[in-house]
Amino acid sequence: MDIFAVIIAGILSLVGLIWAIIPWIPGPLLGYWWLIIIQIFLWNPFSVEFLVIWGAINIFVMILDYLFPLIWTKQFWGTKRGNVGCIIGTIVGIFFGPMGIIAWPFVGAFIGEYLNKKEIYFSLKAALGSFLGFVSGVILKLIVSGLMVWEIVSVCLQHQFI
């Protein structure tokens, strides 16, 4: 049972890392579930305070993931259409690999802003803000997901499961 729980936790953590790239999908929250799985099925390696703190961190990261694009876009005089374009561009970019995930959110934000403002300079500026908001959220989610992966790997190493 222990090995099965570790395998499930590992799969969930990897999916959480991948999902951390997609906006508004709580990838770190999926990683948090493997902390819970390890806690329930294995040797209770985490304290209640540890789990509560990580739960609060995950909720905070989810809120920031929603707010970062709005804040950055507003700083660069963007509109809601730029944010929507950035989201659509991210979804399209998933099908084009890592470079698509980087380039298409910017392209989508630019198209959304251009359809709204009809001026290239302001559309580029707002698209940059939307893109920076997206990147900020992804980086934050990757950091949190990576730290949770580190925790589970260190616990598994201590108990000689890896």
C-alpha atoms as a PDB file:
ATOM      1  CA  MET A   1       0.000   0.000   0.000  1.00  0.00           C
ATOM      2  CA  ASP A   2       2.861   2.360   0.779  1.00  0.00           C
ATOM      3  CA  ILE A   3       4.417   2.045  -2.662  1.00  0.00           C
ATOM      4  CA  PHE A   4       1.009   2.511  -4.337  1.00  0.00           C
ATOM      5  CA  ALA A   5       0.415   5.738  -2.356  1.00  0.00           C
ATOM      6  CA  VAL A   6       3.870   7.024  -3.305  1.00  0.00           C
ATOM      7  CA  ILE A   7       3.226   6.249  -6.994  1.00  0.00           C
ATOM      8  CA  ILE A   8      -0.160   8.022  -6.933  1.00  0.00           C
ATOM      9  CA  ALA A   9       1.405  10.978  -5.111  1.00  0.00           C
ATOM     10  CA  GLY A  10       4.194  11.150  -7.682  1.00  0.00           C
ATOM     11  CA  ILE A  11       1.748  11.113 -10.588  1.00  0.00           C
ATOM     12  CA  LEU A  12      -0.391  13.833  -9.001  1.00  0.00           C
ATOM     13  CA  SER A  13       2.666  15.978  -8.320  1.00  0.00           C
ATOM     14  CA  LEU A  14       3.872  15.731 -11.929  1.00  0.00           C
ATOM     15  CA  VAL A  15       0.415  16.554 -13.283  1.00  0.00           C
ATOM     16  CA  GLY A  16       0.312  19.482 -10.841  1.00  0.00           C
ATOM     17  CA  LEU A  17       3.616  20.774 -12.216  1.00  0.00           C
ATOM     18  CA  ILE A  18       2.339  20.522 -15.787  1.00  0.00           C
ATOM     19  CA  TRP A  19      -0.969  22.165 -14.879  1.00  0.00           C
ATOM     20  CA  ALA A  20       0.909  25.024 -13.206  1.00  0.00           C
ATOM     21  CA  ILE A  21       1.626  26.369 -16.699  1.00  0.00           C
ATOM     22  CA  ILE A  22      -2.044  26.658 -17.650  1.00  0.00           C
ATOM     23  CA  PRO A  23      -3.732  29.806 -16.310  1.00  0.00           C
ATOM     24  CA  TRP A  24      -6.612  29.459 -13.881  1.00  0.00           C
ATOM     25  CA  ILE A  25      -6.103  25.739 -13.399  1.00  0.00           C
ATOM     26  CA  PRO A  26      -4.952  25.078  -9.842  1.00  0.00           C
ATOM     27  CA  GLY A  27      -1.886  22.942 -10.526  1.00  0.00           C
ATOM     28  CA  PRO A  28      -0.367  23.519  -7.079  1.00  0.00           C
ATOM     29  CA  LEU A  29      -3.654  22.506  -5.487  1.00  0.00           C
ATOM     30  CA  LEU A  30      -3.374  19.126  -7.193  1.00  0.00           C
ATOM     31  CA  GLY A  31       0.119  18.852  -5.756  1.00  0.00           C
ATOM     32  CA  TYR A  32      -1.310  19.654  -2.325  1.00  0.00           C
ATOM     33  CA  TRP A  33      -3.562  16.625  -2.615  1.00  0.00           C
ATOM     34  CA  TRP A  34      -0.562  14.348  -2.814  1.00  0.00           C
ATOM     35  CA  LEU A  35       0.668  15.804   0.478  1.00  0.00           C
ATOM     36  CA  ILE A  36      -2.689  14.780   1.915  1.00  0.00           C
ATOM     37  CA  ILE A  37      -2.444  11.309   0.318  1.00  0.00           C
ATOM     38  CA  ILE A  38       1.002  10.781   1.813  1.00  0.00           C
ATOM     39  CA  GLN A  39      -0.272  11.994   5.182  1.00  0.00           C
ATOM     40  CA  ILE A  40      -3.273   9.642   5.161  1.00  0.00           C
ATOM     41  CA  PHE A  41      -1.810   6.475   3.672  1.00  0.00           C
ATOM     42  CA  LEU A  42       1.722   6.525   4.930  1.00  0.00           C
ATOM     43  CA  TRP A  43       3.457   7.438   8.124  1.00  0.00           C
ATOM     44  CA  ASN A  44       1.986  10.850   9.032  1.00  0.00           C
ATOM     45  CA  PRO A  45       5.229  12.619   8.120  1.00  0.00           C
ATOM     46  CA  PHE A  46       3.732  16.121   8.226  1.00  0.00           C
ATOM     47  CA  SER A  47       2.376  18.087  11.125  1.00  0.00           C
ATOM     48  CA  VAL A  48      -1.098  19.582  11.047  1.00  0.00           C
ATOM     49  CA  GLU A  49       0.452  23.057  11.027  1.00  0.00           C
ATOM     50  CA  PHE A  50       2.541  22.151   7.976  1.00  0.00           C
ATOM     51  CA  LEU A  51      -0.534  21.001   6.047  1.00  0.00           C
ATOM     52  CA  VAL A  52      -2.585  24.047   7.082  1.00  0.00           C
ATOM     53  CA  ILE A  53       0.204  26.419   6.029  1.00  0.00           C
ATOM     54  CA  TRP A  54       0.552  24.696   2.640  1.00  0.00           C
ATOM     55  CA  GLY A  55      -3.218  24.794   2.213  1.00  0.00           C
ATOM     56  CA  ALA A  56      -3.222  28.539   2.910  1.00  0.00           C
ATOM     57  CA  ILE A  57      -0.298  29.048   0.516  1.00  0.00           C
ATOM     58  CA  ASN A  58      -2.209  27.198  -2.209  1.00  0.00           C
ATOM     59  CA  ILE A  59      -5.332  29.312  -1.716  1.00  0.00           C
ATOM     60  CA  PHE A  60      -3.211  32.482  -1.788  1.00  0.00           C
ATOM     61  CA  VAL A  61      -1.458  31.357  -4.988  1.00  0.00           C
ATOM     62  CA  MET A  62      -4.806  30.583  -6.654  1.00  0.00           C
ATOM     63  CA  ILE A  63      -6.062  34.079  -5.814  1.00  0.00           C
ATOM     64  CA  LEU A  64      -2.863  35.689  -7.112  1.00  0.00           C
ATOM     65  CA  ASP A  65      -3.059  33.626 -10.293  1.00  0.00           C
ATOM     66  CA  TYR A  66      -6.397  35.291 -11.010  1.00  0.00           C
ATOM     67  CA  LEU A  67      -5.224  38.758  -9.996  1.00  0.00           C
ATOM     68  CA  PHE A  68      -1.782  38.993 -11.637  1.00  0.00           C
ATOM     69  CA  PRO A  69      -3.014  39.297 -15.237  1.00  0.00           C
ATOM     70  CA  LEU A  70      -5.595  41.881 -14.210  1.00  0.00           C
ATOM     71  CA  ILE A  71      -3.076  43.925 -12.238  1.00  0.00           C
ATOM     72  CA  TRP A  72      -0.367  43.843 -14.912  1.00  0.00           C
ATOM     73  CA  THR A  73      -2.797  44.560 -17.722  1.00  0.00           C
ATOM     74  CA  LYS A  74      -4.203  47.524 -15.824  1.00  0.00           C
ATOM     75  CA  GLN A  75      -0.660  48.831 -15.244  1.00  0.00           C
ATOM     76  CA  PHE A  76      -0.120  48.796 -19.005  1.00  0.00           C
ATOM     77  CA  TRP A  77      -3.535  50.332 -19.819  1.00  0.00           C
ATOM     78  CA  GLY A  78      -5.006  47.108 -21.094  1.00  0.00           C
ATOM     79  CA  THR A  79      -8.583  45.899 -21.164  1.00  0.00           C
ATOM     80  CA  LYS A  80     -10.484  42.749 -20.357  1.00  0.00           C
ATOM     81  CA  ARG A  81     -10.241  41.734 -24.018  1.00  0.00           C
ATOM     82  CA  GLY A  82      -6.476  41.563 -23.691  1.00  0.00           C
ATOM     83  CA  ASN A  83      -6.817  39.168 -20.760  1.00  0.00           C
ATOM     84  CA  VAL A  84      -9.316  37.031 -22.670  1.00  0.00           C
ATOM     85  CA  GLY A  85      -6.996  37.007 -25.675  1.00  0.00           C
ATOM     86  CA  CYS A  86      -4.119  35.953 -23.433  1.00  0.00           C
ATOM     87  CA  ILE A  87      -6.153  33.022 -22.088  1.00  0.00           C
ATOM     88  CA  ILE A  88      -7.217  31.934 -25.569  1.00  0.00           C
ATOM     89  CA  GLY A  89      -3.616  32.291 -26.768  1.00  0.00           C
ATOM     90  CA  THR A  90      -2.428  30.106 -23.895  1.00  0.00           C
ATOM     91  CA  ILE A  91      -4.917  27.384 -24.764  1.00  0.00           C
ATOM     92  CA  VAL A  92      -3.860  27.521 -28.423  1.00  0.00           C
ATOM     93  CA  GLY A  93      -0.183  27.596 -27.406  1.00  0.00           C
ATOM     94  CA  ILE A  94      -0.491  24.307 -25.526  1.00  0.00           C
ATOM     95  CA  PHE A  95      -0.725  22.549 -28.883  1.00  0.00           C
ATOM     96  CA  PHE A  96       2.550  24.140 -30.068  1.00  0.00           C
ATOM     97  CA  GLY A  97       4.821  22.971 -27.253  1.00  0.00           C
ATOM     98  CA  PRO A  98       6.936  25.073 -24.896  1.00  0.00           C
ATOM     99  CA  MET A  99       7.542  27.921 -27.345  1.00  0.00           C
ATOM    100  CA  GLY A 100       3.823  28.054 -28.097  1.00  0.00           C
ATOM    101  CA  ILE A 101       3.040  28.393 -24.404  1.00  0.00           C
ATOM    102  CA  ILE A 102       5.443  31.338 -24.254  1.00  0.00           C
ATOM    103  CA  ALA A 103       4.528  33.088 -27.525  1.00  0.00           C
ATOM    104  CA  TRP A 104       0.803  32.519 -27.992  1.00  0.00           C
ATOM    105  CA  PRO A 105      -0.408  34.251 -24.783  1.00  0.00           C
ATOM    106  CA  PHE A 106       1.276  37.435 -25.996  1.00  0.00           C
ATOM    107  CA  VAL A 107      -0.161  37.024 -29.513  1.00  0.00           C
ATOM    108  CA  GLY A 108      -3.622  36.376 -28.109  1.00  0.00           C
ATOM    109  CA  ALA A 109      -3.449  39.410 -25.832  1.00  0.00           C
ATOM    110  CA  PHE A 110      -2.270  41.568 -28.717  1.00  0.00           C
ATOM    111  CA  ILE A 111      -5.123  40.430 -30.969  1.00  0.00           C
ATOM    112  CA  GLY A 112      -7.657  41.008 -28.182  1.00  0.00           C
ATOM    113  CA  GLU A 113      -6.334  44.503 -27.534  1.00  0.00           C
ATOM    114  CA  TYR A 114      -6.017  45.338 -31.215  1.00  0.00           C
ATOM    115  CA  LEU A 115      -9.623  44.347 -31.866  1.00  0.00           C
ATOM    116  CA  ASN A 116     -10.601  46.644 -29.008  1.00  0.00           C
ATOM    117  CA  LYS A 117      -8.293  49.660 -29.506  1.00  0.00           C
ATOM    118  CA  LYS A 118      -7.292  49.459 -33.176  1.00  0.00           C
ATOM    119  CA  GLU A 119      -3.881  50.998 -32.435  1.00  0.00           C
ATOM    120  CA  ILE A 120      -0.750  48.883 -32.636  1.00  0.00           C
ATOM    121  CA  TYR A 121       1.338  50.757 -30.041  1.00  0.00           C
ATOM    122  CA  PHE A 122      -1.286  50.603 -27.289  1.00  0.00           C
ATOM    123  CA  SER A 123      -2.210  47.049 -28.227  1.00  0.00           C
ATOM    124  CA  LEU A 124       1.420  45.929 -27.930  1.00  0.00           C
ATOM    125  CA  LYS A 125       1.818  47.714 -24.614  1.00  0.00           C
ATOM    126  CA  ALA A 126      -1.339  46.195 -23.151  1.00  0.00           C
ATOM    127  CA  ALA A 127      -0.439  42.767 -24.545  1.00  0.00           C
ATOM    128  CA  LEU A 128       2.910  43.020 -22.793  1.00  0.00           C
ATOM    129  CA  GLY A 129       1.129  43.729 -19.507  1.00  0.00           C
ATOM    130  CA  SER A 130      -1.219  40.811 -19.954  1.00  0.00           C
ATOM    131  CA  PHE A 131       1.668  38.538 -20.871  1.00  0.00           C
ATOM    132  CA  LEU A 132       3.708  39.647 -17.832  1.00  0.00           C
ATOM    133  CA  GLY A 133       0.727  38.916 -15.601  1.00  0.00           C
ATOM    134  CA  PHE A 134       0.414  35.445 -17.094  1.00  0.00           C
ATOM    135  CA  VAL A 135       4.141  34.773 -16.665  1.00  0.00           C
ATOM    136  CA  SER A 136       4.073  36.026 -13.057  1.00  0.00           C
ATOM    137  CA  GLY A 137       1.258  33.624 -12.202  1.00  0.00           C
ATOM    138  CA  VAL A 138       2.976  30.688 -13.903  1.00  0.00           C
ATOM    139  CA  ILE A 139       6.282  31.358 -12.149  1.00  0.00           C
ATOM    140  CA  LEU A 140       4.563  31.584  -8.771  1.00  0.00           C
ATOM    141  CA  LYS A 141       2.651  28.335  -9.369  1.00  0.00           C
ATOM    142  CA  LEU A 142       5.797  26.553 -10.563  1.00  0.00           C
ATOM    143  CA  ILE A 143       7.710  27.656  -7.471  1.00  0.00           C
ATOM    144  CA  VAL A 144       4.983  26.462  -5.116  1.00  0.00           C
ATOM    145  CA  SER A 145       4.534  23.183  -7.020  1.00  0.00           C
ATOM    146  CA  GLY A 146       8.280  22.621  -7.081  1.00  0.00           C
ATOM    147  CA  LEU A 147       8.569  23.185  -3.338  1.00  0.00           C
ATOM    148  CA  MET A 148       5.808  20.674  -2.685  1.00  0.00           C
ATOM    149  CA  VAL A 149       7.530  18.137  -4.955  1.00  0.00           C
ATOM    150  CA  TRP A 150      10.711  18.748  -2.970  1.00  0.00           C
ATOM    151  CA  GLU A 151       8.855  18.028   0.278  1.00  0.00           C
ATOM    152  CA  ILE A 152       7.443  14.721  -0.952  1.00  0.00           C
ATOM    153  CA  VAL A 153      10.774  13.600  -2.416  1.00  0.00           C
ATOM    154  CA  SER A 154      12.590  14.413   0.814  1.00  0.00           C
ATOM    155  CA  VAL A 155       9.991  12.506   2.856  1.00  0.00           C
ATOM    156  CA  CYS A 156      10.197   9.510   0.515  1.00  0.00           C
ATOM    157  CA  LEU A 157      14.000   9.579   0.714  1.00  0.00           C
ATOM    158  CA  GLN A 158      13.866   9.658   4.512  1.00  0.00           C
ATOM    159  CA  HIS A 159      11.634   6.583   4.523  1.00  0.00           C
ATOM    160  CA  GLN A 160      13.632   4.901   1.725  1.00  0.00           C
ATOM    161  CA  PHE A 161      10.799   4.692  -0.810  1.00  0.00           C
ATOM    162  CA  ILE A 162      12.906   6.110  -3.626  1.00  0.00           C
END
